Amino acid sequence: MSEDQLQNEMLYQTTMSLARTMLERGMISEEEYHEFDTIMLEKYRPIFGTLFSDIHLL
């Protein structure tokens, strides 16, 4: 994994951790969460992507 790939993976995981918190607190809907996830997947192109989406890494 290159330095850029690692950075993108970390940014994606961190961003989605914050989005999950917002979802859990009712700040965004399930639909908004999934739309946001799709946008972040396109932006960061993480190698592991949503492989760990159900596991809270951060």
PDB file of N, CA and C in Angstrom:
ATOM      1  N   MET A   1       0.861  -1.174   0.000  1.00  0.00           N
ATOM      2  CA  MET A   1       0.000   0.000   0.000  1.00  0.00           C
ATOM      3  C   MET A   1       0.900   1.227   0.000  1.00  0.00           C
ATOM      4  N   SER A   2       0.640   2.122  -0.907  1.00  0.00           N
ATOM      5  CA  SER A   2       1.446   3.343  -0.993  1.00  0.00           C
ATOM      6  C   SER A   2       1.051   4.325   0.116  1.00  0.00           C
ATOM      7  N   GLU A   3       1.876   5.331   0.274  1.00  0.00           N
ATOM      8  CA  GLU A   3       1.613   6.377   1.274  1.00  0.00           C
ATOM      9  C   GLU A   3       0.277   7.077   1.000  1.00  0.00           C
ATOM     10  N   ASP A   4       0.007   7.377  -0.273  1.00  0.00           N
ATOM     11  CA  ASP A   4      -1.257   8.027  -0.652  1.00  0.00           C
ATOM     12  C   ASP A   4      -2.455   7.127  -0.379  1.00  0.00           C
ATOM     13  N   GLN A   5      -2.320   5.846  -0.682  1.00  0.00           N
ATOM     14  CA  GLN A   5      -3.410   4.904  -0.426  1.00  0.00           C
ATOM     15  C   GLN A   5      -3.694   4.801   1.070  1.00  0.00           C
ATOM     16  N   LEU A   6      -2.638   4.751   1.864  1.00  0.00           N
ATOM     17  CA  LEU A   6      -2.800   4.685   3.313  1.00  0.00           C
ATOM     18  C   LEU A   6      -3.493   5.938   3.830  1.00  0.00           C
ATOM     19  N   GLN A   7      -3.072   7.094   3.330  1.00  0.00           N
ATOM     20  CA  GLN A   7      -3.691   8.346   3.756  1.00  0.00           C
ATOM     21  C   GLN A   7      -5.169   8.381   3.368  1.00  0.00           C
ATOM     22  N   ASN A   8      -5.492   7.975   2.148  1.00  0.00           N
ATOM     23  CA  ASN A   8      -6.892   7.946   1.715  1.00  0.00           C
ATOM     24  C   ASN A   8      -7.719   6.987   2.558  1.00  0.00           C
ATOM     25  N   GLU A   9      -7.148   5.846   2.894  1.00  0.00           N
ATOM     26  CA  GLU A   9      -7.851   4.869   3.732  1.00  0.00           C
ATOM     27  C   GLU A   9      -8.147   5.470   5.102  1.00  0.00           C
ATOM     28  N   MET A  10      -7.151   6.115   5.688  1.00  0.00           N
ATOM     29  CA  MET A  10      -7.331   6.720   7.007  1.00  0.00           C
ATOM     30  C   MET A  10      -8.360   7.847   6.962  1.00  0.00           C
ATOM     31  N   LEU A  11      -8.304   8.672   5.925  1.00  0.00           N
ATOM     32  CA  LEU A  11      -9.271   9.763   5.792  1.00  0.00           C
ATOM     33  C   LEU A  11     -10.690   9.223   5.630  1.00  0.00           C
ATOM     34  N   TYR A  12     -10.842   8.188   4.821  1.00  0.00           N
ATOM     35  CA  TYR A  12     -12.163   7.589   4.620  1.00  0.00           C
ATOM     36  C   TYR A  12     -12.694   7.025   5.939  1.00  0.00           C
ATOM     37  N   GLN A  13     -11.875   6.235   6.630  1.00  0.00           N
ATOM     38  CA  GLN A  13     -12.323   5.601   7.874  1.00  0.00           C
ATOM     39  C   GLN A  13     -12.662   6.648   8.936  1.00  0.00           C
ATOM     40  N   THR A  14     -11.854   7.685   9.045  1.00  0.00           N
ATOM     41  CA  THR A  14     -12.110   8.750  10.014  1.00  0.00           C
ATOM     42  C   THR A  14     -13.393   9.500   9.676  1.00  0.00           C
ATOM     43  N   THR A  15     -13.555   9.843   8.410  1.00  0.00           N
ATOM     44  CA  THR A  15     -14.747  10.563   7.962  1.00  0.00           C
ATOM     45  C   THR A  15     -16.007   9.751   8.222  1.00  0.00           C
ATOM     46  N   MET A  16     -15.952   8.452   7.910  1.00  0.00           N
ATOM     47  CA  MET A  16     -17.137   7.616   8.090  1.00  0.00           C
ATOM     48  C   MET A  16     -17.412   7.340   9.569  1.00  0.00           C
ATOM     49  N   SER A  17     -16.390   7.362  10.384  1.00  0.00           N
ATOM     50  CA  SER A  17     -16.602   7.230  11.825  1.00  0.00           C
ATOM     51  C   SER A  17     -17.415   8.412  12.343  1.00  0.00           C
ATOM     52  N   LEU A  18     -17.069   9.603  11.881  1.00  0.00           N
ATOM     53  CA  LEU A  18     -17.827  10.798  12.267  1.00  0.00           C
ATOM     54  C   LEU A  18     -19.252  10.738  11.725  1.00  0.00           C
ATOM     55  N   ALA A  19     -19.403  10.254  10.502  1.00  0.00           N
ATOM     56  CA  ALA A  19     -20.742  10.131   9.912  1.00  0.00           C
ATOM     57  C   ALA A  19     -21.589   9.125  10.692  1.00  0.00           C
ATOM     58  N   ARG A  20     -20.968   8.014  11.137  1.00  0.00           N
ATOM     59  CA  ARG A  20     -21.703   7.023  11.949  1.00  0.00           C
ATOM     60  C   ARG A  20     -22.172   7.641  13.260  1.00  0.00           C
ATOM     61  N   THR A  21     -21.327   8.468  13.860  1.00  0.00           N
ATOM     62  CA  THR A  21     -21.706   9.153  15.096  1.00  0.00           C
ATOM     63  C   THR A  21     -22.899  10.063  14.845  1.00  0.00           C
ATOM     64  N   MET A  22     -22.867  10.780  13.745  1.00  0.00           N
ATOM     65  CA  MET A  22     -23.992  11.658  13.400  1.00  0.00           C
ATOM     66  C   MET A  22     -25.267  10.844  13.181  1.00  0.00           C
ATOM     67  N   LEU A  23     -25.141   9.696  12.545  1.00  0.00           N
ATOM     68  CA  LEU A  23     -26.288   8.815  12.321  1.00  0.00           C
ATOM     69  C   LEU A  23     -26.846   8.316  13.652  1.00  0.00           C
ATOM     70  N   GLU A  24     -25.969   7.860  14.530  1.00  0.00           N
ATOM     71  CA  GLU A  24     -26.385   7.345  15.835  1.00  0.00           C
ATOM     72  C   GLU A  24     -27.063   8.414  16.684  1.00  0.00           C
ATOM     73  N   ARG A  25     -26.669   9.657  16.522  1.00  0.00           N
ATOM     74  CA  ARG A  25     -27.255  10.761  17.290  1.00  0.00           C
ATOM     75  C   ARG A  25     -28.490  11.356  16.621  1.00  0.00           C
ATOM     76  N   GLY A  26     -28.869  10.797  15.482  1.00  0.00           N
ATOM     77  CA  GLY A  26     -30.062  11.263  14.789  1.00  0.00           C
ATOM     78  C   GLY A  26     -29.874  12.559  14.024  1.00  0.00           C
ATOM     79  N   MET A  27     -28.628  12.932  13.794  1.00  0.00           N
ATOM     80  CA  MET A  27     -28.350  14.176  13.084  1.00  0.00           C
ATOM     81  C   MET A  27     -28.526  14.018  11.576  1.00  0.00           C
ATOM     82  N   ILE A  28     -28.354  12.797  11.092  1.00  0.00           N
ATOM     83  CA  ILE A  28     -28.585  12.489   9.684  1.00  0.00           C
ATOM     84  C   ILE A  28     -29.400  11.205   9.601  1.00  0.00           C
ATOM     85  N   SER A  29     -30.088  11.035   8.482  1.00  0.00           N
ATOM     86  CA  SER A  29     -30.903   9.831   8.288  1.00  0.00           C
ATOM     87  C   SER A  29     -30.039   8.701   7.726  1.00  0.00           C
ATOM     88  N   GLU A  30     -30.601   7.499   7.747  1.00  0.00           N
ATOM     89  CA  GLU A  30     -29.936   6.332   7.175  1.00  0.00           C
ATOM     90  C   GLU A  30     -29.645   6.570   5.681  1.00  0.00           C
ATOM     91  N   GLU A  31     -30.605   7.163   4.999  1.00  0.00           N
ATOM     92  CA  GLU A  31     -30.449   7.446   3.569  1.00  0.00           C
ATOM     93  C   GLU A  31     -29.318   8.445   3.332  1.00  0.00           C
ATOM     94  N   GLU A  32     -29.269   9.500   4.144  1.00  0.00           N
ATOM     95  CA  GLU A  32     -28.204  10.492   4.005  1.00  0.00           C
ATOM     96  C   GLU A  32     -26.840   9.864   4.277  1.00  0.00           C
ATOM     97  N   TYR A  33     -26.789   8.978   5.265  1.00  0.00           N
ATOM     98  CA  TYR A  33     -25.541   8.290   5.592  1.00  0.00           C
ATOM     99  C   TYR A  33     -25.037   7.490   4.390  1.00  0.00           C
ATOM    100  N   HIS A  34     -25.934   6.724   3.764  1.00  0.00           N
ATOM    101  CA  HIS A  34     -25.538   5.891   2.627  1.00  0.00           C
ATOM    102  C   HIS A  34     -25.146   6.733   1.413  1.00  0.00           C
ATOM    103  N   GLU A  35     -25.839   7.838   1.208  1.00  0.00           N
ATOM    104  CA  GLU A  35     -25.470   8.747   0.115  1.00  0.00           C
ATOM    105  C   GLU A  35     -24.076   9.330   0.359  1.00  0.00           C
ATOM    106  N   PHE A  36     -23.828   9.734   1.597  1.00  0.00           N
ATOM    107  CA  PHE A  36     -22.536  10.297   1.968  1.00  0.00           C
ATOM    108  C   PHE A  36     -21.431   9.251   1.804  1.00  0.00           C
ATOM    109  N   ASP A  37     -21.710   8.025   2.221  1.00  0.00           N
ATOM    110  CA  ASP A  37     -20.739   6.943   2.091  1.00  0.00           C
ATOM    111  C   ASP A  37     -20.363   6.735   0.622  1.00  0.00           C
ATOM    112  N   THR A  38     -21.344   6.753  -0.245  1.00  0.00           N
ATOM    113  CA  THR A  38     -21.092   6.590  -1.678  1.00  0.00           C
ATOM    114  C   THR A  38     -20.179   7.698  -2.200  1.00  0.00           C
ATOM    115  N   ILE A  39     -20.448   8.919  -1.780  1.00  0.00           N
ATOM    116  CA  ILE A  39     -19.625  10.058  -2.201  1.00  0.00           C
ATOM    117  C   ILE A  39     -18.192   9.911  -1.683  1.00  0.00           C
ATOM    118  N   MET A  40     -18.047   9.492  -0.421  1.00  0.00           N
ATOM    119  CA  MET A  40     -16.716   9.347   0.167  1.00  0.00           C
ATOM    120  C   MET A  40     -15.945   8.189  -0.470  1.00  0.00           C
ATOM    121  N   LEU A  41     -16.650   7.120  -0.846  1.00  0.00           N
ATOM    122  CA  LEU A  41     -15.991   6.013  -1.543  1.00  0.00           C
ATOM    123  C   LEU A  41     -15.433   6.482  -2.880  1.00  0.00           C
ATOM    124  N   GLU A  42     -16.194   7.306  -3.576  1.00  0.00           N
ATOM    125  CA  GLU A  42     -15.732   7.839  -4.859  1.00  0.00           C
ATOM    126  C   GLU A  42     -14.564   8.806  -4.671  1.00  0.00           C
ATOM    127  N   LYS A  43     -14.630   9.593  -3.615  1.00  0.00           N
ATOM    128  CA  LYS A  43     -13.591  10.595  -3.371  1.00  0.00           C
ATOM    129  C   LYS A  43     -12.266   9.959  -2.948  1.00  0.00           C
ATOM    130  N   TYR A  44     -12.315   9.071  -1.952  1.00  0.00           N
ATOM    131  CA  TYR A  44     -11.091   8.529  -1.366  1.00  0.00           C
ATOM    132  C   TYR A  44     -10.622   7.223  -1.997  1.00  0.00           C
ATOM    133  N   ARG A  45     -11.511   6.496  -2.654  1.00  0.00           N
ATOM    134  CA  ARG A  45     -11.160   5.205  -3.263  1.00  0.00           C
ATOM    135  C   ARG A  45     -10.344   4.334  -2.302  1.00  0.00           C
ATOM    136  N   PRO A  46     -10.876   4.084  -1.093  1.00  0.00           N
ATOM    137  CA  PRO A  46     -10.116   3.289  -0.126  1.00  0.00           C
ATOM    138  C   PRO A  46      -9.954   1.844  -0.602  1.00  0.00           C
ATOM    139  N   ILE A  47      -8.826   1.254  -0.268  1.00  0.00           N
ATOM    140  CA  ILE A  47      -8.564  -0.126  -0.671  1.00  0.00           C
ATOM    141  C   ILE A  47      -9.505  -1.083   0.055  1.00  0.00           C
ATOM    142  N   PHE A  48      -9.680  -0.872   1.342  1.00  0.00           N
ATOM    143  CA  PHE A  48     -10.533  -1.756   2.123  1.00  0.00           C
ATOM    144  C   PHE A  48     -11.991  -1.326   2.069  1.00  0.00           C
ATOM    145  N   GLY A  49     -12.222  -0.081   1.680  1.00  0.00           N
ATOM    146  CA  GLY A  49     -13.586   0.419   1.508  1.00  0.00           C
ATOM    147  C   GLY A  49     -14.483   0.136   2.689  1.00  0.00           C
ATOM    148  N   THR A  50     -15.601  -0.510   2.422  1.00  0.00           N
ATOM    149  CA  THR A  50     -16.584  -0.777   3.477  1.00  0.00           C
ATOM    150  C   THR A  50     -16.384  -2.136   4.123  1.00  0.00           C
ATOM    151  N   LEU A  51     -15.246  -2.765   3.886  1.00  0.00           N
ATOM    152  CA  LEU A  51     -14.972  -4.065   4.489  1.00  0.00           C
ATOM    153  C   LEU A  51     -15.170  -4.031   5.999  1.00  0.00           C
ATOM    154  N   PHE A  52     -14.763  -2.926   6.621  1.00  0.00           N
ATOM    155  CA  PHE A  52     -14.870  -2.785   8.064  1.00  0.00           C
ATOM    156  C   PHE A  52     -16.002  -1.851   8.473  1.00  0.00           C
ATOM    157  N   SER A  53     -16.958  -1.640   7.617  1.00  0.00           N
ATOM    158  CA  SER A  53     -17.989  -0.633   7.883  1.00  0.00           C
ATOM    159  C   SER A  53     -18.814  -0.918   9.134  1.00  0.00           C
ATOM    160  N   ASP A  54     -18.969  -2.184   9.507  1.00  0.00           N
ATOM    161  CA  ASP A  54     -19.735  -2.516  10.703  1.00  0.00           C
ATOM    162  C   ASP A  54     -18.872  -2.552  11.958  1.00  0.00           C
ATOM    163  N   ILE A  55     -17.561  -2.397  11.783  1.00  0.00           N
ATOM    164  CA  ILE A  55     -16.629  -2.410  12.906  1.00  0.00           C
ATOM    165  C   ILE A  55     -16.164  -0.981  13.133  1.00  0.00           C
ATOM    166  N   HIS A  56     -16.361  -0.474  14.333  1.00  0.00           N
ATOM    167  CA  HIS A  56     -15.954   0.897  14.639  1.00  0.00           C
ATOM    168  C   HIS A  56     -14.463   0.911  14.958  1.00  0.00           C
ATOM    169  N   LEU A  57     -13.658   1.306  13.967  1.00  0.00           N
ATOM    170  CA  LEU A  57     -12.210   1.303  14.121  1.00  0.00           C
ATOM    171  C   LEU A  57     -11.704   2.502  14.894  1.00  0.00           C
ATOM    172  N   LEU A  58     -12.416   3.600  14.815  1.00  0.00           N
ATOM    173  CA  LEU A  58     -11.957   4.832  15.470  1.00  0.00           C
ATOM    174  C   LEU A  58     -12.961   5.296  16.482  1.00  0.00           C
TER     175      LEU A  58
END
